[in-house]
Amino acid sequence: MKKNDIKKLMMLLMLVAFQANAQVDVTLKVDMSAETVSADGVHVVGTINGWSTDATMLTQEGATGIYSVTVQLNEGWHRYKFLNGNAWGTEEAASYPCAPSNGDRFLYVNDSGMPLTLETVPFNGCNPSGTGFEVTFNVDMASEGTIPSGNVHMAGWFTDWNPEVLNFPNATGDIHSGTLRFPTPADYPIEFEYKYLSAAGWGNDETPGPEASCPSVTGANRLITVNTSGENIYDVFNACTYALSTEDVMANTFTTTYNKATRQVKMSSIASQAEVATLSVYDLNGKSVQTNNNLNTLNEITVNFQNQANGIYFIRIESGTKQWVKKIIVY
């Protein structure tokens, strides 16, 4: 190889390495319209600046109440909060669902390399539902007996693996759920590594899996990528996700996504030729509320719950002697 070719190759490798570790411009915005802004200015503090309260000051946008700043961040999870001032004691007190962990806001920078402009959030509050990126985690705790609402916790990258700061406030029967709302765009994929706990503190954590047959489990944790806002994640404590098959109907080929805004479940199969005879929907009492006998495939099916009340439903798909049952929470 010629010297010039070697130099070109080295430069290419250096460029690739630089791009792989390059930081992304992220613009944070906060609405201070309801606040009397401190003479010390508006600041942001968090993992983004080593938790320094006076290192990162926001600038007012014209004559509006919006303050913003652009920072450079690496790929991965970041936690932060705004301050009406430049010292501890002036920080905001935002909470669930945008800052459910000790009042810290969460932010994920993915590997796309795209610059981000985050949703404007009110000081002490969250961006409205329907803006940014929202995902709901649901976990079936039936194996653990009766657990009071609020006892189930979640730990992961986004909580810095603290097992005590993020609990699920909602419970419907054995299903405990919590929604996370991020200021990132609705179509900006987020990667989660996490696990559930039956109560606060290590020792109450699950062992999900088994890894060999559960694609969402890696080692002792769950690892998933959520691609778009509005998705629901359905897991089973100390197990995998909801069983995709009761009689081996092409296991792991079906996916379901619930959209809260439209109250619809979208179902699809990676095996578009999968023949389906009947799709039935039952409520928690076993009453049939919907039936479709005219399905030829399950490549793209939408089940509408606009006429049903909130609650737990079961979708059953029958094909010959085989069937598949999925539990869905409508809310």
Protein backbone atom coordinates (compact mmCIF):
# COMPACT_ATOMS: atom_id res chain seq x y z
CA MET A 1 0.00 0.00 0.00
CA LYS A 2 1.31 3.44 -0.93
CA LYS A 3 2.09 6.02 1.76
CA ASN A 4 -0.64 8.33 0.45
CA ASP A 5 -3.17 5.52 0.66
CA ILE A 6 -2.10 4.75 4.23
CA LYS A 7 -2.50 8.41 5.18
CA LYS A 8 -5.96 8.53 3.61
CA LEU A 9 -6.97 5.38 5.47
CA MET A 10 -5.71 6.76 8.77
CA MET A 11 -7.56 10.03 8.22
CA LEU A 12 -10.74 8.09 7.40
CA LEU A 13 -10.42 6.00 10.56
CA MET A 14 -9.81 9.13 12.64
CA LEU A 15 -12.88 10.77 11.10
CA VAL A 16 -15.04 7.73 11.85
CA ALA A 17 -13.75 7.63 15.43
CA PHE A 18 -14.43 11.34 15.84
CA GLN A 19 -17.96 11.01 14.49
CA ALA A 20 -18.63 8.05 16.77
CA ASN A 21 -17.69 10.15 19.79
CA ALA A 22 -18.89 13.52 18.51
CA GLN A 23 -21.15 15.60 20.71
CA VAL A 24 -24.57 16.81 19.66
CA ASP A 25 -25.97 20.32 19.98
CA VAL A 26 -28.98 20.20 22.30
CA THR A 27 -31.13 23.30 22.89
CA LEU A 28 -32.98 23.41 26.21
CA LYS A 29 -35.94 25.76 26.70
CA VAL A 30 -37.89 26.80 29.78
CA ASP A 31 -40.90 29.10 30.09
CA MET A 32 -40.43 31.55 32.97
CA SER A 33 -43.62 33.54 32.27
CA ALA A 34 -45.16 32.57 35.60
CA GLU A 35 -42.01 33.42 37.58
CA THR A 36 -40.25 36.55 38.78
CA VAL A 37 -36.87 35.98 37.22
CA SER A 38 -33.91 36.28 39.56
CA ALA A 39 -31.32 39.01 39.05
CA ASP A 40 -28.81 36.14 39.00
CA GLY A 41 -30.45 34.81 35.86
CA VAL A 42 -31.89 31.45 34.83
CA HIS A 43 -29.53 28.48 34.92
CA VAL A 44 -29.59 24.74 34.28
CA VAL A 45 -27.80 22.17 36.42
CA GLY A 46 -27.28 18.44 36.02
CA THR A 47 -25.10 15.72 34.61
CA ILE A 48 -24.79 18.01 31.59
CA ASN A 49 -22.39 20.29 33.51
CA GLY A 50 -21.18 18.31 36.50
CA TRP A 51 -24.05 19.63 38.65
CA SER A 52 -22.54 23.11 38.71
CA THR A 53 -25.30 25.59 39.57
CA ASP A 54 -23.69 28.65 37.97
CA ALA A 55 -21.90 27.17 34.96
CA THR A 56 -24.70 27.23 32.37
CA MET A 57 -26.86 30.33 32.05
CA LEU A 58 -29.89 30.57 29.77
CA THR A 59 -30.66 33.59 27.57
CA GLN A 60 -34.04 35.25 27.20
CA GLU A 61 -35.54 34.90 23.72
CA GLY A 62 -36.49 38.45 22.73
CA ALA A 63 -39.26 39.90 24.90
CA THR A 64 -40.82 36.50 25.60
CA GLY A 65 -40.78 34.54 28.82
CA ILE A 66 -38.81 31.75 27.12
CA TYR A 67 -35.18 31.20 28.15
CA SER A 68 -32.89 28.85 26.23
CA VAL A 69 -29.35 27.58 25.93
CA THR A 70 -27.56 25.21 23.57
CA VAL A 71 -25.16 22.70 25.09
CA GLN A 72 -23.09 19.92 23.57
CA LEU A 73 -23.87 16.46 24.90
CA ASN A 74 -22.60 12.95 24.33
CA GLU A 75 -24.84 10.04 23.35
CA GLY A 76 -26.67 8.52 26.31
CA TRP A 77 -28.80 9.56 29.28
CA HIS A 78 -28.62 12.93 31.02
CA ARG A 79 -30.43 14.40 34.04
CA TYR A 80 -31.00 18.08 34.73
CA LYS A 81 -33.22 20.74 36.28
CA PHE A 82 -33.65 24.49 35.90
CA LEU A 83 -32.85 27.14 38.51
CA ASN A 84 -34.35 30.60 38.93
CA GLY A 85 -30.98 31.84 40.12
CA ASN A 86 -27.52 30.30 40.31
CA ALA A 87 -27.43 28.36 43.58
CA TRP A 88 -29.10 25.43 45.30
CA GLY A 89 -32.36 26.51 46.84
CA THR A 90 -33.46 28.20 43.62
CA GLU A 91 -34.08 24.98 41.67
CA GLU A 92 -37.49 24.09 40.29
CA ALA A 93 -39.73 21.34 41.67
CA ALA A 94 -41.05 19.60 38.56
CA SER A 95 -42.47 16.11 39.03
CA TYR A 96 -44.23 13.17 37.34
CA PRO A 97 -44.39 12.41 34.46
CA CYS A 98 -41.52 14.56 33.14
CA ALA A 99 -39.38 14.67 36.28
CA PRO A 100 -40.43 11.65 38.36
CA SER A 101 -37.02 10.93 39.86
CA ASN A 102 -36.20 13.42 42.66
CA GLY A 103 -37.41 16.23 40.42
CA ASP A 104 -34.76 15.51 37.79
CA ARG A 105 -35.72 15.81 34.15
CA PHE A 106 -34.55 13.02 31.83
CA LEU A 107 -32.97 13.44 28.41
CA TYR A 108 -31.70 10.78 26.01
CA VAL A 109 -29.32 11.57 23.14
CA ASN A 110 -29.33 8.76 20.58
CA ASP A 111 -26.66 7.83 18.04
CA SER A 112 -28.25 9.62 15.07
CA GLY A 113 -25.95 12.63 15.43
CA MET A 114 -28.90 14.96 14.85
CA PRO A 115 -29.00 18.29 16.73
CA LEU A 116 -31.93 18.53 19.12
CA THR A 117 -34.26 21.36 20.02
CA LEU A 118 -36.29 20.27 23.02
CA GLU A 119 -39.90 21.13 23.80
CA THR A 120 -40.34 24.25 25.91
CA VAL A 121 -41.25 23.24 29.45
CA PRO A 122 -42.72 25.47 32.16
CA PHE A 123 -40.52 26.11 35.19
CA ASN A 124 -41.77 23.69 37.88
CA GLY A 125 -43.85 21.77 35.33
CA CYS A 126 -44.05 19.44 32.33
CA ASN A 127 -44.62 19.96 28.63
CA PRO A 128 -48.27 19.15 27.78
CA SER A 129 -49.37 15.61 26.97
CA GLY A 130 -49.21 15.12 23.22
CA THR A 131 -45.94 17.03 22.93
CA GLY A 132 -42.46 15.60 23.08
CA PHE A 133 -41.96 11.85 23.57
CA GLU A 134 -44.21 9.83 25.88
CA VAL A 135 -43.96 6.13 26.74
CA THR A 136 -45.91 4.06 29.27
CA PHE A 137 -44.39 1.06 31.02
CA ASN A 138 -46.76 -1.63 32.29
CA VAL A 139 -45.69 -4.60 34.39
CA ASP A 140 -47.78 -7.58 35.50
CA MET A 141 -47.02 -8.23 39.18
CA ALA A 142 -49.41 -11.19 39.61
CA SER A 143 -46.56 -13.49 40.66
CA GLU A 144 -45.83 -11.28 43.67
CA GLY A 145 -49.30 -11.25 45.21
CA THR A 146 -51.13 -8.05 46.10
CA ILE A 147 -48.90 -4.98 45.88
CA PRO A 148 -50.21 -1.52 46.83
CA SER A 149 -50.26 1.16 44.17
CA GLY A 150 -47.01 3.13 44.26
CA ASN A 151 -44.86 0.30 45.63
CA VAL A 152 -43.56 -0.93 42.28
CA HIS A 153 -40.35 0.82 41.27
CA MET A 154 -38.19 0.99 38.17
CA ALA A 155 -34.44 1.45 37.98
CA GLY A 156 -32.34 2.04 34.90
CA TRP A 157 -29.92 4.24 33.04
CA PHE A 158 -32.30 7.17 33.41
CA THR A 159 -32.32 6.95 37.23
CA ASP A 160 -28.57 6.29 37.41
CA TRP A 161 -29.68 2.84 38.68
CA ASN A 162 -31.10 4.31 41.86
CA PRO A 163 -33.77 1.77 42.99
CA GLU A 164 -35.74 4.18 45.17
CA VAL A 165 -36.56 7.31 43.15
CA LEU A 166 -38.99 6.18 40.41
CA ASN A 167 -42.23 4.45 41.39
CA PHE A 168 -45.33 3.59 39.36
CA PRO A 169 -48.34 5.58 40.59
CA ASN A 170 -51.03 3.63 38.73
CA ALA A 171 -52.35 0.13 39.33
CA THR A 172 -55.23 -1.75 37.67
CA GLY A 173 -55.48 -5.17 39.23
CA ASP A 174 -52.06 -6.79 38.94
CA ILE A 175 -50.93 -4.32 36.27
CA HIS A 176 -48.79 -1.45 37.58
CA SER A 177 -47.92 1.35 35.18
CA GLY A 178 -46.03 4.58 34.89
CA THR A 179 -45.66 7.11 32.09
CA LEU A 180 -42.48 8.97 31.23
CA ARG A 181 -42.68 12.18 29.21
CA PHE A 182 -39.54 13.53 27.57
CA PRO A 183 -38.95 16.87 25.80
CA THR A 184 -37.38 15.17 22.77
CA PRO A 185 -39.20 14.88 19.39
CA ALA A 186 -41.95 12.28 19.03
CA ASP A 187 -40.06 10.37 16.33
CA TYR A 188 -36.65 10.42 18.06
CA PRO A 189 -35.88 6.81 19.17
CA ILE A 190 -34.95 6.24 22.82
CA GLU A 191 -33.07 3.24 24.22
CA PHE A 192 -33.98 1.98 27.69
CA GLU A 193 -32.08 -0.43 29.91
CA TYR A 194 -34.05 -1.10 33.08
CA LYS A 195 -35.61 -3.53 35.53
CA TYR A 196 -38.56 -3.57 37.92
CA LEU A 197 -38.65 -3.82 41.70
CA SER A 198 -41.58 -4.97 43.86
CA ALA A 199 -40.63 -2.27 46.40
CA ALA A 200 -37.97 0.41 46.77
CA GLY A 201 -34.42 -0.85 47.25
CA TRP A 202 -32.15 -3.54 45.86
CA GLY A 203 -33.15 -7.00 46.98
CA ASN A 204 -36.65 -6.38 45.67
CA ASP A 205 -35.54 -6.37 42.03
CA GLU A 206 -36.62 -8.91 39.47
CA THR A 207 -34.60 -11.39 37.42
CA PRO A 208 -36.23 -11.05 34.00
CA GLY A 209 -35.93 -13.63 31.28
CA PRO A 210 -34.83 -16.21 30.49
CA GLU A 211 -32.43 -14.34 28.26
CA ALA A 212 -32.22 -17.18 25.72
CA SER A 213 -35.91 -16.95 24.84
CA CYS A 214 -36.67 -13.32 25.69
CA PRO A 215 -35.28 -10.89 23.09
CA SER A 216 -35.83 -7.86 25.35
CA VAL A 217 -33.58 -9.23 28.13
CA THR A 218 -29.80 -8.76 28.18
CA GLY A 219 -27.98 -10.21 31.16
CA ALA A 220 -29.95 -9.31 34.28
CA ASN A 221 -31.71 -6.30 32.71
CA ARG A 222 -34.25 -5.43 30.06
CA LEU A 223 -33.00 -3.56 26.97
CA ILE A 224 -35.37 -2.09 24.39
CA THR A 225 -35.58 0.72 21.86
CA VAL A 226 -38.82 2.70 21.67
CA ASN A 227 -39.06 4.34 18.26
CA THR A 228 -42.06 6.65 18.51
CA SER A 229 -44.05 8.50 21.14
CA GLY A 230 -47.27 6.99 22.48
CA GLU A 231 -46.08 3.41 22.78
CA ASN A 232 -46.98 1.07 25.64
CA ILE A 233 -44.51 -1.49 26.95
CA TYR A 234 -45.97 -4.65 28.51
CA ASP A 235 -43.69 -6.72 30.74
CA VAL A 236 -44.11 -9.52 33.27
CA PHE A 237 -42.22 -9.29 36.58
CA ASN A 238 -39.49 -11.96 36.85
CA ALA A 239 -40.32 -13.11 33.32
CA CYS A 240 -40.37 -11.74 29.78
CA THR A 241 -43.10 -9.72 28.10
CA TYR A 242 -46.66 -11.00 27.83
CA ALA A 243 -46.58 -14.46 26.28
CA LEU A 244 -47.06 -14.10 22.56
CA SER A 245 -48.53 -17.54 22.16
CA THR A 246 -50.67 -19.98 24.10
CA GLU A 247 -50.23 -22.75 21.55
CA ASP A 248 -47.02 -21.89 19.71
CA VAL A 249 -48.55 -19.54 17.12
CA MET A 250 -45.37 -18.39 15.43
CA ALA A 251 -43.83 -17.25 18.71
CA ASN A 252 -42.19 -13.80 18.75
CA THR A 253 -43.63 -12.78 15.36
CA PHE A 254 -46.43 -10.53 16.67
CA THR A 255 -46.16 -6.98 17.97
CA THR A 256 -48.80 -4.70 19.46
CA THR A 257 -48.75 -0.96 20.09
CA TYR A 258 -51.42 1.00 21.95
CA ASN A 259 -51.99 4.65 21.03
CA LYS A 260 -53.57 6.54 23.94
CA ALA A 261 -54.64 9.49 21.79
CA THR A 262 -56.64 7.40 19.29
CA ARG A 263 -57.52 4.55 21.71
CA GLN A 264 -56.39 2.05 19.09
CA VAL A 265 -54.19 -1.03 19.20
CA LYS A 266 -52.09 -1.67 16.13
CA MET A 267 -51.08 -5.29 15.62
CA SER A 268 -48.63 -6.63 13.08
CA SER A 269 -46.71 -9.77 12.23
CA ILE A 270 -43.30 -10.09 10.63
CA ALA A 271 -44.75 -13.14 8.88
CA SER A 272 -47.26 -11.47 6.56
CA GLN A 273 -48.54 -14.83 5.34
CA ALA A 274 -49.78 -15.79 8.81
CA GLU A 275 -53.37 -16.93 8.29
CA VAL A 276 -55.91 -15.81 10.85
CA ALA A 277 -59.48 -17.03 11.18
CA THR A 278 -60.92 -14.93 14.02
CA LEU A 279 -59.96 -11.97 16.18
CA SER A 280 -61.98 -11.53 19.38
CA VAL A 281 -61.82 -8.96 22.17
CA TYR A 282 -62.99 -9.72 25.72
CA ASP A 283 -63.31 -7.55 28.79
CA LEU A 284 -62.02 -8.54 32.23
CA ASN A 285 -65.26 -10.42 32.98
CA GLY A 286 -64.92 -12.57 29.88
CA LYS A 287 -67.63 -10.76 27.92
CA SER A 288 -67.03 -10.52 24.16
CA VAL A 289 -66.98 -6.87 23.08
CA GLN A 290 -65.61 -7.20 19.53
CA THR A 291 -65.28 -9.95 16.91
CA ASN A 292 -63.75 -9.98 13.44
CA ASN A 293 -64.17 -13.19 11.42
CA ASN A 294 -62.88 -11.83 8.12
CA LEU A 295 -59.13 -11.61 8.64
CA ASN A 296 -56.82 -13.17 6.08
CA THR A 297 -53.49 -12.05 7.54
CA LEU A 298 -52.15 -10.26 10.60
CA ASN A 299 -49.71 -8.12 8.70
CA GLU A 300 -51.43 -4.89 9.79
CA ILE A 301 -54.53 -4.90 12.00
CA THR A 302 -56.08 -2.05 13.98
CA VAL A 303 -58.38 -2.74 16.93
CA ASN A 304 -60.48 0.26 17.94
CA PHE A 305 -61.37 0.83 21.62
CA GLN A 306 -63.09 4.19 21.21
CA ASN A 307 -66.44 2.70 22.28
CA GLN A 308 -65.02 0.76 25.23
CA ALA A 309 -64.43 2.00 28.76
CA ASN A 310 -60.96 2.18 30.29
CA GLY A 311 -59.73 -1.09 31.69
CA ILE A 312 -58.06 -4.40 30.88
CA TYR A 313 -59.02 -6.33 27.73
CA PHE A 314 -57.86 -9.54 26.10
CA ILE A 315 -57.36 -9.88 22.36
CA ARG A 316 -57.56 -13.48 21.15
CA ILE A 317 -56.52 -14.61 17.69
CA GLU A 318 -57.53 -18.09 16.54
CA SER A 319 -56.14 -19.91 13.53
CA GLY A 320 -57.16 -23.53 13.16
CA THR A 321 -56.23 -25.33 16.39
CA LYS A 322 -53.88 -22.54 17.50
CA GLN A 323 -54.54 -19.34 19.37
CA TRP A 324 -52.72 -16.28 20.69
CA VAL A 325 -53.90 -14.10 23.58
CA LYS A 326 -52.71 -10.59 24.39
CA LYS A 327 -53.63 -8.52 27.46
CA ILE A 328 -54.17 -4.81 26.71
CA ILE A 329 -54.69 -1.85 29.04
CA VAL A 330 -57.00 0.83 27.62
CA TYR A 331 -56.80 4.23 29.34
